[in-house]
Amino acid sequence: MQPRTMTKRGGWVNPVLWLLAFLVVNALWSGVAQQEAPNEVNTATQFETFREVEVAPFLNSESAMPARLTTSFTSSTIDQANVSYTLRLNNETVVATWSGLLDEVPPEWAGDLEPGTYVMETQMEEGVMVEQQLWIQPFAPFQIYGHVLLSVLLIATAFLEQGVRRFAERIRSETDSAPEKSPFSGLQQGMPEVMLPEGEDAIWREPLR
């Protein structure tokens, strides 16, 4: 009775483990796809009014990648100044722009950037420092494809595992049900029978001389 209970229990444990593996693998890939790669545009020690930023295609894909731009203007010598920035694709198409005062907090820009060459134009008065970071998610365009590929691989592995398990169980059952052959032949009990020529009686046999 106990082996049958264990068999029933194993029947639902295995699918549950595969379901957990499916959820864990896809959750891990989702986290990887949302990782951001930082790109320094301007810093307090390295500043250029026109900074060129190269957004390279990932895996030769021309798909746009999610990105966000953070900007911070500070100064230790002046209290008020005019500041602004403009991000252009190929130095023509305006992608992001902002202008304001030193004491204002520039809003974070978020959008999609196509692979190409960008130019960041930053205008500020003397004595002002700027920190600009461009954060890009290079794996994001492949997130759906990754989920599909991982799901197909997991399902195929699960079916393969079940097939191997059933094949092993069938071989084991055939081996257990096969009759065991003895290496020794059966022993004959009693005296062996003597074959006499036809017509001779074993009782009235003429004695040998």
Protein backbone atom coordinates (compact mmCIF):
# COMPACT_ATOMS: atom_id res chain seq x y z
CA MET A 1 0.00 0.00 0.00
CA GLN A 2 2.86 2.36 0.77
CA PRO A 3 4.55 2.12 -2.67
CA ARG A 4 1.26 3.04 -4.36
CA THR A 5 0.95 6.12 -2.14
CA MET A 6 4.50 7.15 -2.98
CA THR A 7 3.78 6.67 -6.70
CA LYS A 8 0.74 8.91 -6.52
CA ARG A 9 2.72 11.50 -4.64
CA GLY A 10 5.53 11.40 -7.22
CA GLY A 11 2.97 11.87 -9.98
CA TRP A 12 2.17 15.43 -8.90
CA VAL A 13 5.54 16.40 -7.39
CA ASN A 14 7.37 16.21 -10.71
CA PRO A 15 5.00 18.56 -12.61
CA VAL A 16 5.07 21.01 -9.69
CA LEU A 17 8.88 21.06 -9.74
CA TRP A 18 8.87 21.75 -13.49
CA LEU A 19 6.33 24.53 -13.00
CA LEU A 20 8.54 26.10 -10.33
CA ALA A 21 11.56 25.82 -12.65
CA PHE A 22 9.52 27.47 -15.42
CA LEU A 23 8.59 30.40 -13.17
CA VAL A 24 12.09 30.81 -11.70
CA VAL A 25 13.90 30.74 -15.06
CA ASN A 26 11.51 33.25 -16.63
CA ALA A 27 11.72 35.51 -13.57
CA LEU A 28 15.53 35.45 -13.75
CA TRP A 29 15.49 36.28 -17.44
CA SER A 30 13.02 39.10 -16.83
CA GLY A 31 15.44 40.56 -14.27
CA VAL A 32 18.37 40.25 -16.66
CA ALA A 33 16.43 41.86 -19.53
CA GLN A 34 15.63 44.89 -17.35
CA GLN A 35 19.24 45.49 -16.29
CA GLU A 36 20.58 48.93 -17.22
CA ALA A 37 24.01 49.73 -18.61
CA PRO A 38 25.27 53.16 -17.46
CA ASN A 39 26.94 55.51 -19.93
CA GLU A 40 28.63 58.67 -18.63
CA VAL A 41 27.88 61.69 -20.79
CA ASN A 42 29.31 64.58 -18.74
CA THR A 43 30.86 64.68 -15.29
CA ALA A 44 32.16 67.41 -13.00
CA THR A 45 35.75 66.70 -14.09
CA GLN A 46 35.10 65.82 -17.75
CA PHE A 47 32.76 68.19 -19.54
CA GLU A 48 32.19 69.07 -23.18
CA THR A 49 29.53 71.42 -24.51
CA PHE A 50 28.94 69.05 -27.43
CA ARG A 51 29.41 65.48 -26.25
CA GLU A 52 29.06 62.67 -28.75
CA VAL A 53 27.34 59.53 -27.47
CA GLU A 54 27.39 56.32 -29.47
CA VAL A 55 24.50 53.88 -28.94
CA ALA A 56 25.75 50.65 -30.50
CA PRO A 57 23.34 47.97 -31.74
CA PHE A 58 23.19 44.90 -29.52
CA LEU A 59 23.66 41.58 -31.35
CA ASN A 60 23.40 43.48 -34.67
CA SER A 61 19.80 44.39 -33.88
CA GLU A 62 18.42 47.70 -35.08
CA SER A 63 15.61 47.67 -32.50
CA ALA A 64 15.22 50.69 -30.25
CA MET A 65 16.31 50.17 -26.64
CA PRO A 66 14.63 51.62 -23.55
CA ALA A 67 16.76 54.36 -22.01
CA ARG A 68 16.62 57.14 -19.45
CA LEU A 69 18.68 60.29 -18.97
CA THR A 70 19.50 61.77 -15.59
CA THR A 71 20.94 65.30 -15.26
CA SER A 72 22.06 67.26 -12.24
CA PHE A 73 23.42 70.85 -12.21
CA THR A 74 25.33 72.11 -9.16
CA SER A 75 27.57 75.03 -8.21
CA SER A 76 29.58 76.02 -5.17
CA THR A 77 30.28 79.60 -6.29
CA ILE A 78 27.03 81.00 -7.68
CA ASP A 79 23.42 80.73 -6.57
CA GLN A 80 21.58 81.32 -9.84
CA ALA A 81 22.36 80.55 -13.49
CA ASN A 82 20.69 79.48 -16.71
CA VAL A 83 21.23 75.86 -17.67
CA SER A 84 19.94 73.66 -20.50
CA TYR A 85 20.62 70.53 -22.51
CA THR A 86 19.48 69.06 -25.83
CA LEU A 87 20.00 65.52 -27.06
CA ARG A 88 19.94 65.03 -30.84
CA LEU A 89 20.14 61.97 -33.06
CA ASN A 90 22.77 62.41 -35.79
CA ASN A 91 22.96 66.05 -34.64
CA GLU A 92 19.59 66.69 -36.32
CA THR A 93 16.54 65.08 -34.71
CA VAL A 94 15.80 66.40 -31.21
CA VAL A 95 15.25 63.48 -28.83
CA ALA A 96 15.19 65.27 -25.46
CA THR A 97 15.53 68.90 -24.36
CA TRP A 98 15.21 70.93 -21.19
CA SER A 99 16.10 74.44 -20.00
CA GLY A 100 15.73 76.12 -16.64
CA LEU A 101 17.51 77.64 -13.67
CA LEU A 102 20.26 76.25 -11.48
CA ASP A 103 17.98 75.78 -8.47
CA GLU A 104 15.50 73.72 -10.49
CA VAL A 105 15.69 69.94 -10.67
CA PRO A 106 15.77 68.68 -14.27
CA PRO A 107 13.18 65.95 -14.82
CA GLU A 108 14.39 62.49 -15.72
CA TRP A 109 13.89 61.72 -19.39
CA ALA A 110 12.78 58.22 -20.40
CA GLY A 111 12.14 56.80 -23.85
CA ASP A 112 13.53 54.55 -26.58
CA LEU A 113 16.81 55.16 -28.36
CA GLU A 114 17.60 53.69 -31.74
CA PRO A 115 21.18 52.62 -32.45
CA GLY A 116 23.15 55.53 -33.84
CA THR A 117 25.24 58.57 -32.97
CA TYR A 118 23.80 61.11 -30.55
CA VAL A 119 25.10 64.56 -29.63
CA MET A 120 24.44 66.05 -26.20
CA GLU A 121 24.54 69.84 -26.21
CA THR A 122 24.81 71.26 -22.68
CA GLN A 123 24.72 74.99 -22.03
CA MET A 124 25.58 76.49 -18.61
CA GLU A 125 27.35 79.46 -17.14
CA GLU A 126 30.85 79.45 -15.74
CA GLY A 127 31.07 77.99 -12.26
CA VAL A 128 28.32 75.42 -12.84
CA MET A 129 29.03 71.69 -12.89
CA VAL A 130 26.88 68.99 -14.45
CA GLU A 131 26.44 65.23 -14.02
CA GLN A 132 24.75 63.45 -16.91
CA GLN A 133 24.18 59.69 -17.14
CA LEU A 134 22.48 57.75 -19.91
CA TRP A 135 21.05 54.40 -18.80
CA ILE A 136 20.28 51.84 -21.53
CA GLN A 137 18.62 48.42 -21.37
CA PRO A 138 20.36 46.45 -24.16
CA PHE A 139 18.54 43.15 -23.48
CA ALA A 140 15.03 44.63 -23.42
CA PRO A 141 14.31 44.18 -27.16
CA PHE A 142 14.98 40.44 -26.74
CA GLN A 143 12.90 39.93 -23.60
CA ILE A 144 9.89 38.32 -25.31
CA TYR A 145 12.09 36.16 -27.54
CA GLY A 146 14.04 35.04 -24.49
CA HIS A 147 10.86 34.05 -22.63
CA VAL A 148 9.63 32.05 -25.63
CA LEU A 149 12.97 30.31 -26.17
CA LEU A 150 13.44 29.43 -22.49
CA SER A 151 9.85 28.18 -22.21
CA VAL A 152 10.23 25.93 -25.27
CA LEU A 153 13.53 24.54 -23.98
CA LEU A 154 12.05 23.81 -20.55
CA ILE A 155 8.98 22.10 -22.00
CA ALA A 156 11.13 20.01 -24.36
CA THR A 157 13.43 19.04 -21.48
CA ALA A 158 10.41 18.08 -19.33
CA PHE A 159 8.99 15.80 -22.06
CA LEU A 160 12.43 14.29 -22.67
CA GLU A 161 12.85 13.63 -18.95
CA GLN A 162 9.45 11.94 -18.79
CA GLY A 163 10.28 9.80 -21.81
CA VAL A 164 13.61 8.68 -20.35
CA ARG A 165 11.95 7.95 -16.99
CA ARG A 166 9.21 5.79 -18.58
CA PHE A 167 11.73 3.95 -20.75
CA ALA A 168 13.86 3.17 -17.68
CA GLU A 169 10.80 1.97 -15.76
CA ARG A 170 9.75 -0.30 -18.64
CA ILE A 171 13.23 -1.83 -18.86
CA ARG A 172 13.23 -2.33 -15.08
CA SER A 173 9.79 -3.98 -15.11
CA GLU A 174 10.75 -6.32 -17.97
CA THR A 175 13.91 -7.31 -16.13
CA ASP A 176 12.01 -8.01 -12.90
CA SER A 177 9.27 -10.07 -14.62
CA ALA A 178 11.66 -12.31 -16.60
CA PRO A 179 12.00 -15.86 -15.05
CA GLU A 180 15.31 -16.57 -13.44
CA LYS A 181 17.27 -19.33 -15.15
CA SER A 182 19.22 -21.76 -12.97
CA PRO A 183 22.80 -22.39 -14.05
CA PHE A 184 22.44 -26.07 -13.03
CA SER A 185 20.26 -28.64 -14.79
CA GLY A 186 17.85 -30.72 -12.72
CA LEU A 187 19.23 -33.86 -11.11
CA GLN A 188 17.60 -37.19 -12.02
CA GLN A 189 16.50 -39.24 -9.04
CA GLY A 190 16.83 -43.06 -8.90
CA MET A 191 18.63 -45.44 -11.20
CA PRO A 192 18.75 -44.63 -14.90
CA GLU A 193 16.60 -46.72 -17.16
CA VAL A 194 18.42 -49.31 -19.29
CA MET A 195 17.19 -49.74 -22.82
CA LEU A 196 17.00 -53.46 -23.73
CA PRO A 197 16.77 -54.96 -27.17
CA GLU A 198 13.26 -55.70 -28.32
CA GLY A 199 12.03 -59.17 -27.32
CA GLU A 200 14.23 -59.60 -24.23
CA ASP A 201 12.77 -59.79 -20.77
CA ALA A 202 14.81 -58.21 -18.03
CA ILE A 203 13.71 -60.86 -15.45
CA TRP A 204 14.47 -64.05 -17.47
CA ARG A 205 17.64 -62.74 -18.88
CA GLU A 206 20.26 -65.46 -19.55
CA PRO A 207 23.27 -65.06 -17.24
CA LEU A 208 26.52 -64.15 -18.77
CA ARG A 209 29.24 -66.82 -19.05
